[in-house]
Amino acid sequence: TYAVGTFTATLTVTDNLGATNARTVAITVIAPADTTAPVMSGIAASAITATSATISWTTNEAADSQVEYGSTTAYGNATTVSPALATAHSQDLSGLIAAHTYHYRVKSRDAAGNLATSGDSSFTTAAASGGPTAGGTTGTATTSGSGSGGTTTSGSTTTGGGSTTAGTGSSAGTTTGGGSTSGGTGPSGDAGGHSSSQCGVGSAVGLAVIALGLGLRRSPRSR
């Protein structure tokens, strides 16, 4: 048994009369054809995010690298073949969908052209990370009122953050013929200020009526 390489050999022939004849020849020993595909091990997915992952594996002989992947075992996507012959392999997947399960398999071809393809494996991408969302609904404030001496009501207002602040104001003013005035003031906000204004108007009207009544009573005496 000879190792792979080139050797020289000398053949010497001697006849029955003692004459010899020698010849030297070169002998080259070549390796048998490589028909065995690389053996894979340590296939794993790592560095998994919402949109990317890294697939790694090793082979028992130097070979190139490629990964096929997709939503099913039909795959449908593949990385570009890395032609560098190595025993440690790594391929990055990008543009993935968040919270989605992907199937994948790895492929390596040695220098002799023997291709090894792994079985199916899978991983699930991480959920997408969302930022804070501004919530709430902006409502409208409604103010309604009646005429002089009536009531005023302010409605509720909903802010953007979703909180609701309610305020109610009411006022009533009544002027009688006798000149007396009674009224109420609103308990909160603008409604209270509006009610005070109406009470002031009612008081002025009441005083005017009283003055007019006094004038009428004095007129017969002056005659």
C-alpha atoms as a PDB file:
ATOM      1  CA  THR A   1       0.000   0.000   0.000  1.00  0.00           C
ATOM      2  CA  TYR A   2       1.382   3.358  -0.996  1.00  0.00           C
ATOM      3  CA  ALA A   3       0.371   6.845   0.054  1.00  0.00           C
ATOM      4  CA  VAL A   4      -0.885   9.296  -2.492  1.00  0.00           C
ATOM      5  CA  GLY A   5       2.047  10.706  -4.481  1.00  0.00           C
ATOM      6  CA  THR A   6       4.702   9.934  -7.119  1.00  0.00           C
ATOM      7  CA  PHE A   7       7.399   7.302  -6.590  1.00  0.00           C
ATOM      8  CA  THR A   8      10.212   5.738  -8.624  1.00  0.00           C
ATOM      9  CA  ALA A   9      10.797   2.001  -9.004  1.00  0.00           C
ATOM     10  CA  THR A  10      13.720   0.132 -10.490  1.00  0.00           C
ATOM     11  CA  LEU A  11      13.185  -3.234 -12.124  1.00  0.00           C
ATOM     12  CA  THR A  12      16.261  -5.458 -12.536  1.00  0.00           C
ATOM     13  CA  VAL A  13      16.203  -8.632 -14.646  1.00  0.00           C
ATOM     14  CA  THR A  14      18.965 -11.263 -14.580  1.00  0.00           C
ATOM     15  CA  ASP A  15      19.176 -14.114 -17.095  1.00  0.00           C
ATOM     16  CA  ASN A  16      20.609 -17.605 -16.570  1.00  0.00           C
ATOM     17  CA  LEU A  17      24.007 -16.520 -17.766  1.00  0.00           C
ATOM     18  CA  GLY A  18      24.169 -13.840 -15.115  1.00  0.00           C
ATOM     19  CA  ALA A  19      23.547 -10.913 -17.408  1.00  0.00           C
ATOM     20  CA  THR A  20      21.392  -8.179 -15.843  1.00  0.00           C
ATOM     21  CA  ASN A  21      19.212  -5.481 -17.215  1.00  0.00           C
ATOM     22  CA  ALA A  22      17.721  -2.681 -15.044  1.00  0.00           C
ATOM     23  CA  ARG A  23      15.027  -0.177 -15.783  1.00  0.00           C
ATOM     24  CA  THR A  24      13.701   2.653 -13.569  1.00  0.00           C
ATOM     25  CA  VAL A  25      10.104   3.805 -13.874  1.00  0.00           C
ATOM     26  CA  ALA A  26       7.918   6.444 -12.172  1.00  0.00           C
ATOM     27  CA  ILE A  27       4.835   5.335 -10.323  1.00  0.00           C
ATOM     28  CA  THR A  28       2.097   7.820  -9.339  1.00  0.00           C
ATOM     29  CA  VAL A  29      -0.450   6.905  -6.706  1.00  0.00           C
ATOM     30  CA  ILE A  30      -3.679   8.945  -6.858  1.00  0.00           C
ATOM     31  CA  ALA A  31      -6.463   9.148  -4.346  1.00  0.00           C
ATOM     32  CA  PRO A  32      -9.684   7.389  -5.110  1.00  0.00           C
ATOM     33  CA  ALA A  33     -12.510   9.589  -6.382  1.00  0.00           C
ATOM     34  CA  ASP A  34     -14.402  11.489  -3.638  1.00  0.00           C
ATOM     35  CA  THR A  35     -18.013  10.521  -3.877  1.00  0.00           C
ATOM     36  CA  THR A  36     -18.964  11.205  -0.272  1.00  0.00           C
ATOM     37  CA  ALA A  37     -20.945  14.304   0.635  1.00  0.00           C
ATOM     38  CA  PRO A  38     -20.017  16.369   3.722  1.00  0.00           C
ATOM     39  CA  VAL A  39     -21.509  15.288   7.023  1.00  0.00           C
ATOM     40  CA  MET A  40     -23.406  18.094   8.792  1.00  0.00           C
ATOM     41  CA  SER A  41     -23.902  18.681  12.513  1.00  0.00           C
ATOM     42  CA  GLY A  42     -24.839  21.395  15.009  1.00  0.00           C
ATOM     43  CA  ILE A  43     -27.542  22.967  12.847  1.00  0.00           C
ATOM     44  CA  ALA A  44     -29.201  25.790  14.814  1.00  0.00           C
ATOM     45  CA  ALA A  45     -30.983  29.150  14.557  1.00  0.00           C
ATOM     46  CA  SER A  46     -29.765  31.961  16.796  1.00  0.00           C
ATOM     47  CA  ALA A  47     -29.869  35.757  17.218  1.00  0.00           C
ATOM     48  CA  ILE A  48     -33.582  35.642  16.390  1.00  0.00           C
ATOM     49  CA  THR A  49     -35.345  39.012  16.246  1.00  0.00           C
ATOM     50  CA  ALA A  50     -38.657  40.167  14.775  1.00  0.00           C
ATOM     51  CA  THR A  51     -37.103  40.519  11.302  1.00  0.00           C
ATOM     52  CA  SER A  52     -33.890  38.479  11.236  1.00  0.00           C
ATOM     53  CA  ALA A  53     -32.095  35.304  12.340  1.00  0.00           C
ATOM     54  CA  THR A  54     -28.733  33.565  11.934  1.00  0.00           C
ATOM     55  CA  ILE A  55     -28.426  29.915  10.850  1.00  0.00           C
ATOM     56  CA  SER A  56     -25.187  28.070  11.684  1.00  0.00           C
ATOM     57  CA  TRP A  57     -23.809  24.536  11.264  1.00  0.00           C
ATOM     58  CA  THR A  58     -20.566  22.562  10.836  1.00  0.00           C
ATOM     59  CA  THR A  59     -19.320  19.983   8.307  1.00  0.00           C
ATOM     60  CA  ASN A  60     -16.670  17.288   8.615  1.00  0.00           C
ATOM     61  CA  GLU A  61     -14.870  18.604   5.514  1.00  0.00           C
ATOM     62  CA  ALA A  62     -14.485  21.952   3.819  1.00  0.00           C
ATOM     63  CA  ALA A  63     -17.576  22.946   1.867  1.00  0.00           C
ATOM     64  CA  ASP A  64     -19.598  25.975   0.778  1.00  0.00           C
ATOM     65  CA  SER A  65     -22.732  27.352   2.515  1.00  0.00           C
ATOM     66  CA  GLN A  66     -26.375  28.091   1.671  1.00  0.00           C
ATOM     67  CA  VAL A  67     -29.728  28.187   3.504  1.00  0.00           C
ATOM     68  CA  GLU A  68     -33.186  27.645   2.043  1.00  0.00           C
ATOM     69  CA  TYR A  69     -36.112  29.019   4.081  1.00  0.00           C
ATOM     70  CA  GLY A  70     -39.802  29.906   3.931  1.00  0.00           C
ATOM     71  CA  SER A  71     -43.202  29.636   5.604  1.00  0.00           C
ATOM     72  CA  THR A  72     -43.574  25.970   4.618  1.00  0.00           C
ATOM     73  CA  THR A  73     -41.301  23.028   3.804  1.00  0.00           C
ATOM     74  CA  ALA A  74     -41.479  24.136   0.179  1.00  0.00           C
ATOM     75  CA  TYR A  75     -39.203  26.997   1.340  1.00  0.00           C
ATOM     76  CA  GLY A  76     -39.196  29.322  -1.690  1.00  0.00           C
ATOM     77  CA  ASN A  77     -36.349  31.565  -0.478  1.00  0.00           C
ATOM     78  CA  ALA A  78     -32.596  30.978  -0.406  1.00  0.00           C
ATOM     79  CA  THR A  79     -29.512  32.876   0.652  1.00  0.00           C
ATOM     80  CA  THR A  80     -26.704  33.531  -1.819  1.00  0.00           C
ATOM     81  CA  VAL A  81     -24.222  30.649  -1.880  1.00  0.00           C
ATOM     82  CA  SER A  82     -21.070  31.478   0.062  1.00  0.00           C
ATOM     83  CA  PRO A  83     -18.340  29.875  -2.110  1.00  0.00           C
ATOM     84  CA  ALA A  84     -15.652  29.895   0.589  1.00  0.00           C
ATOM     85  CA  LEU A  85     -14.870  26.296   1.574  1.00  0.00           C
ATOM     86  CA  ALA A  86     -15.034  25.946   5.351  1.00  0.00           C
ATOM     87  CA  THR A  87     -16.076  23.576   8.087  1.00  0.00           C
ATOM     88  CA  ALA A  88     -17.884  26.222  10.193  1.00  0.00           C
ATOM     89  CA  HIS A  89     -20.826  27.817   8.411  1.00  0.00           C
ATOM     90  CA  SER A  90     -23.122  30.797   9.150  1.00  0.00           C
ATOM     91  CA  GLN A  91     -25.793  32.515   7.076  1.00  0.00           C
ATOM     92  CA  ASP A  92     -27.932  35.553   8.037  1.00  0.00           C
ATOM     93  CA  LEU A  93     -31.639  35.778   7.168  1.00  0.00           C
ATOM     94  CA  SER A  94     -33.257  39.224   6.981  1.00  0.00           C
ATOM     95  CA  GLY A  95     -36.554  40.840   5.994  1.00  0.00           C
ATOM     96  CA  LEU A  96     -38.560  38.310   8.015  1.00  0.00           C
ATOM     97  CA  ILE A  97     -42.087  38.774   9.361  1.00  0.00           C
ATOM     98  CA  ALA A  98     -42.542  39.273  13.107  1.00  0.00           C
ATOM     99  CA  ALA A  99     -44.126  36.470  15.178  1.00  0.00           C
ATOM    100  CA  HIS A 100     -43.956  34.089  12.195  1.00  0.00           C
ATOM    101  CA  THR A 101     -42.752  30.477  11.977  1.00  0.00           C
ATOM    102  CA  TYR A 102     -40.112  29.757   9.335  1.00  0.00           C
ATOM    103  CA  HIS A 103     -38.888  26.397   8.042  1.00  0.00           C
ATOM    104  CA  TYR A 104     -35.299  26.064   6.839  1.00  0.00           C
ATOM    105  CA  ARG A 105     -32.649  23.621   5.707  1.00  0.00           C
ATOM    106  CA  VAL A 106     -28.925  24.030   5.062  1.00  0.00           C
ATOM    107  CA  LYS A 107     -26.816  22.935   2.095  1.00  0.00           C
ATOM    108  CA  SER A 108     -23.046  22.438   1.683  1.00  0.00           C
ATOM    109  CA  ARG A 109     -21.065  21.212  -1.328  1.00  0.00           C
ATOM    110  CA  ASP A 110     -17.445  20.012  -1.069  1.00  0.00           C
ATOM    111  CA  ALA A 111     -14.590  20.550  -3.535  1.00  0.00           C
ATOM    112  CA  ALA A 112     -15.444  17.326  -5.384  1.00  0.00           C
ATOM    113  CA  GLY A 113     -18.979  18.579  -5.996  1.00  0.00           C
ATOM    114  CA  ASN A 114     -20.697  16.316  -3.475  1.00  0.00           C
ATOM    115  CA  LEU A 115     -23.760  18.112  -2.072  1.00  0.00           C
ATOM    116  CA  ALA A 116     -25.158  17.579   1.412  1.00  0.00           C
ATOM    117  CA  THR A 117     -28.661  18.802   2.296  1.00  0.00           C
ATOM    118  CA  SER A 118     -29.984  18.774   5.856  1.00  0.00           C
ATOM    119  CA  GLY A 119     -33.418  17.841   7.058  1.00  0.00           C
ATOM    120  CA  ASP A 120     -36.074  20.432   7.896  1.00  0.00           C
ATOM    121  CA  SER A 121     -35.787  22.680  10.956  1.00  0.00           C
ATOM    122  CA  SER A 122     -37.859  25.651  12.092  1.00  0.00           C
ATOM    123  CA  PHE A 123     -37.840  28.742  14.286  1.00  0.00           C
ATOM    124  CA  THR A 124     -40.308  31.521  15.171  1.00  0.00           C
ATOM    125  CA  THR A 125     -39.410  35.200  14.945  1.00  0.00           C
ATOM    126  CA  ALA A 126     -39.944  37.522  17.890  1.00  0.00           C
ATOM    127  CA  ALA A 127     -43.051  39.676  18.224  1.00  0.00           C
ATOM    128  CA  ALA A 128     -42.769  43.230  16.944  1.00  0.00           C
ATOM    129  CA  SER A 129     -42.079  45.783  19.670  1.00  0.00           C
ATOM    130  CA  GLY A 130     -44.657  48.615  19.617  1.00  0.00           C
ATOM    131  CA  GLY A 131     -44.312  52.129  20.978  1.00  0.00           C
ATOM    132  CA  PRO A 132     -46.864  53.996  23.083  1.00  0.00           C
ATOM    133  CA  THR A 133     -50.042  54.867  21.305  1.00  0.00           C
ATOM    134  CA  ALA A 134     -51.900  58.063  22.086  1.00  0.00           C
ATOM    135  CA  GLY A 135     -55.471  57.212  22.889  1.00  0.00           C
ATOM    136  CA  GLY A 136     -58.692  58.931  23.716  1.00  0.00           C
ATOM    137  CA  THR A 137     -61.358  60.816  21.891  1.00  0.00           C
ATOM    138  CA  THR A 138     -61.843  64.525  21.745  1.00  0.00           C
ATOM    139  CA  GLY A 139     -65.433  65.419  22.424  1.00  0.00           C
ATOM    140  CA  THR A 140     -67.304  68.735  22.349  1.00  0.00           C
ATOM    141  CA  ALA A 141     -68.535  71.002  25.100  1.00  0.00           C
ATOM    142  CA  THR A 142     -72.116  72.129  24.787  1.00  0.00           C
ATOM    143  CA  THR A 143     -73.562  75.212  26.431  1.00  0.00           C
ATOM    144  CA  SER A 144     -77.287  75.868  26.364  1.00  0.00           C
ATOM    145  CA  GLY A 145     -79.327  78.607  27.954  1.00  0.00           C
ATOM    146  CA  SER A 146     -82.703  80.251  28.041  1.00  0.00           C
ATOM    147  CA  GLY A 147     -83.496  83.944  28.005  1.00  0.00           C
ATOM    148  CA  SER A 148     -83.124  86.475  30.785  1.00  0.00           C
ATOM    149  CA  GLY A 149     -83.522  84.919  34.178  1.00  0.00           C
ATOM    150  CA  GLY A 150     -83.184  81.387  32.777  1.00  0.00           C
ATOM    151  CA  THR A 151     -80.653  78.629  33.337  1.00  0.00           C
ATOM    152  CA  THR A 152     -77.266  77.922  31.821  1.00  0.00           C
ATOM    153  CA  THR A 153     -75.772  74.439  31.623  1.00  0.00           C
ATOM    154  CA  SER A 154     -72.270  73.518  30.555  1.00  0.00           C
ATOM    155  CA  GLY A 155     -71.644  69.987  29.331  1.00  0.00           C
ATOM    156  CA  SER A 156     -68.711  67.636  29.661  1.00  0.00           C
ATOM    157  CA  THR A 157     -65.439  67.746  27.763  1.00  0.00           C
ATOM    158  CA  THR A 158     -63.384  64.653  26.900  1.00  0.00           C
ATOM    159  CA  THR A 159     -59.651  65.220  26.642  1.00  0.00           C
ATOM    160  CA  GLY A 160     -57.239  63.402  24.296  1.00  0.00           C
ATOM    161  CA  GLY A 161     -55.941  61.184  27.062  1.00  0.00           C
ATOM    162  CA  GLY A 162     -59.341  59.658  27.509  1.00  0.00           C
ATOM    163  CA  SER A 163     -60.278  61.329  30.833  1.00  0.00           C
ATOM    164  CA  THR A 164     -63.562  63.095  31.174  1.00  0.00           C
ATOM    165  CA  THR A 165     -64.181  66.199  33.269  1.00  0.00           C
ATOM    166  CA  ALA A 166     -67.760  67.135  33.832  1.00  0.00           C
ATOM    167  CA  GLY A 167     -68.964  70.457  35.059  1.00  0.00           C
ATOM    168  CA  THR A 168     -72.483  71.737  35.526  1.00  0.00           C
ATOM    169  CA  GLY A 169     -73.495  75.280  36.136  1.00  0.00           C
ATOM    170  CA  SER A 170     -77.015  76.584  36.611  1.00  0.00           C
ATOM    171  CA  SER A 171     -78.540  79.869  37.539  1.00  0.00           C
ATOM    172  CA  ALA A 172     -82.010  81.182  37.770  1.00  0.00           C
ATOM    173  CA  GLY A 173     -83.221  84.737  38.297  1.00  0.00           C
ATOM    174  CA  THR A 174     -86.839  85.802  38.698  1.00  0.00           C
ATOM    175  CA  THR A 175     -88.052  89.356  38.967  1.00  0.00           C
ATOM    176  CA  THR A 176     -91.513  89.925  40.424  1.00  0.00           C
ATOM    177  CA  GLY A 177     -93.757  92.918  40.059  1.00  0.00           C
ATOM    178  CA  GLY A 178     -93.225  93.833  43.664  1.00  0.00           C
ATOM    179  CA  GLY A 179     -89.588  94.498  42.978  1.00  0.00           C
ATOM    180  CA  SER A 180     -88.003  91.572  44.780  1.00  0.00           C
ATOM    181  CA  THR A 181     -85.431  89.508  42.997  1.00  0.00           C
ATOM    182  CA  SER A 182     -84.311  85.978  43.777  1.00  0.00           C
ATOM    183  CA  GLY A 183     -81.660  83.943  41.976  1.00  0.00           C
ATOM    184  CA  GLY A 184     -78.993  81.319  42.254  1.00  0.00           C
ATOM    185  CA  THR A 185     -75.390  81.117  41.210  1.00  0.00           C
ATOM    186  CA  GLY A 186     -73.748  78.297  39.298  1.00  0.00           C
ATOM    187  CA  PRO A 187     -71.618  75.901  41.315  1.00  0.00           C
ATOM    188  CA  SER A 188     -68.718  75.621  38.912  1.00  0.00           C
ATOM    189  CA  GLY A 189     -66.743  77.113  36.045  1.00  0.00           C
ATOM    190  CA  ASP A 190     -68.046  79.570  33.480  1.00  0.00           C
ATOM    191  CA  ALA A 191     -71.615  78.609  34.226  1.00  0.00           C
ATOM    192  CA  GLY A 192     -71.299  80.176  37.693  1.00  0.00           C
ATOM    193  CA  GLY A 193     -69.960  83.452  36.259  1.00  0.00           C
ATOM    194  CA  HIS A 194     -72.746  83.622  33.697  1.00  0.00           C
ATOM    195  CA  SER A 195     -75.337  83.092  36.417  1.00  0.00           C
ATOM    196  CA  SER A 196     -73.922  85.978  38.510  1.00  0.00           C
ATOM    197  CA  SER A 197     -74.240  88.300  35.533  1.00  0.00           C
ATOM    198  CA  GLN A 198     -77.881  87.365  35.060  1.00  0.00           C
ATOM    199  CA  CYS A 199     -78.602  87.963  38.752  1.00  0.00           C
ATOM    200  CA  GLY A 200     -77.103  91.450  38.442  1.00  0.00           C
ATOM    201  CA  VAL A 201     -79.424  92.261  35.537  1.00  0.00           C
ATOM    202  CA  GLY A 202     -82.405  90.948  37.513  1.00  0.00           C
ATOM    203  CA  SER A 203     -81.512  93.163  40.503  1.00  0.00           C
ATOM    204  CA  ALA A 204     -81.275  96.269  38.346  1.00  0.00           C
ATOM    205  CA  VAL A 205     -84.672  95.618  36.827  1.00  0.00           C
ATOM    206  CA  GLY A 206     -86.163  95.078  40.290  1.00  0.00           C
ATOM    207  CA  LEU A 207     -84.851  98.427  41.575  1.00  0.00           C
ATOM    208  CA  ALA A 208     -86.237 100.212  38.560  1.00  0.00           C
ATOM    209  CA  VAL A 209     -89.683  98.762  39.194  1.00  0.00           C
ATOM    210  CA  ILE A 210     -89.581  99.815  42.874  1.00  0.00           C
ATOM    211  CA  ALA A 211     -88.574 103.364  41.941  1.00  0.00           C
ATOM    212  CA  LEU A 212     -91.392 103.563  39.434  1.00  0.00           C
ATOM    213  CA  GLY A 213     -93.900 102.374  42.062  1.00  0.00           C
ATOM    214  CA  LEU A 214     -92.779 104.985  44.551  1.00  0.00           C
ATOM    215  CA  GLY A 215     -93.122 107.705  41.950  1.00  0.00           C
ATOM    216  CA  LEU A 216     -96.672 106.737  41.131  1.00  0.00           C
ATOM    217  CA  ARG A 217     -97.662 106.742  44.787  1.00  0.00           C
ATOM    218  CA  ARG A 218     -96.341 110.288  45.350  1.00  0.00           C
ATOM    219  CA  SER A 219     -97.995 111.830  42.314  1.00  0.00           C
ATOM    220  CA  PRO A 220    -101.571 112.324  43.775  1.00  0.00           C
ATOM    221  CA  ARG A 221    -100.203 114.184  46.786  1.00  0.00           C
ATOM    222  CA  SER A 222     -98.365 116.660  44.567  1.00  0.00           C
ATOM    223  CA  ARG A 223    -101.616 117.433  42.727  1.00  0.00           C
END
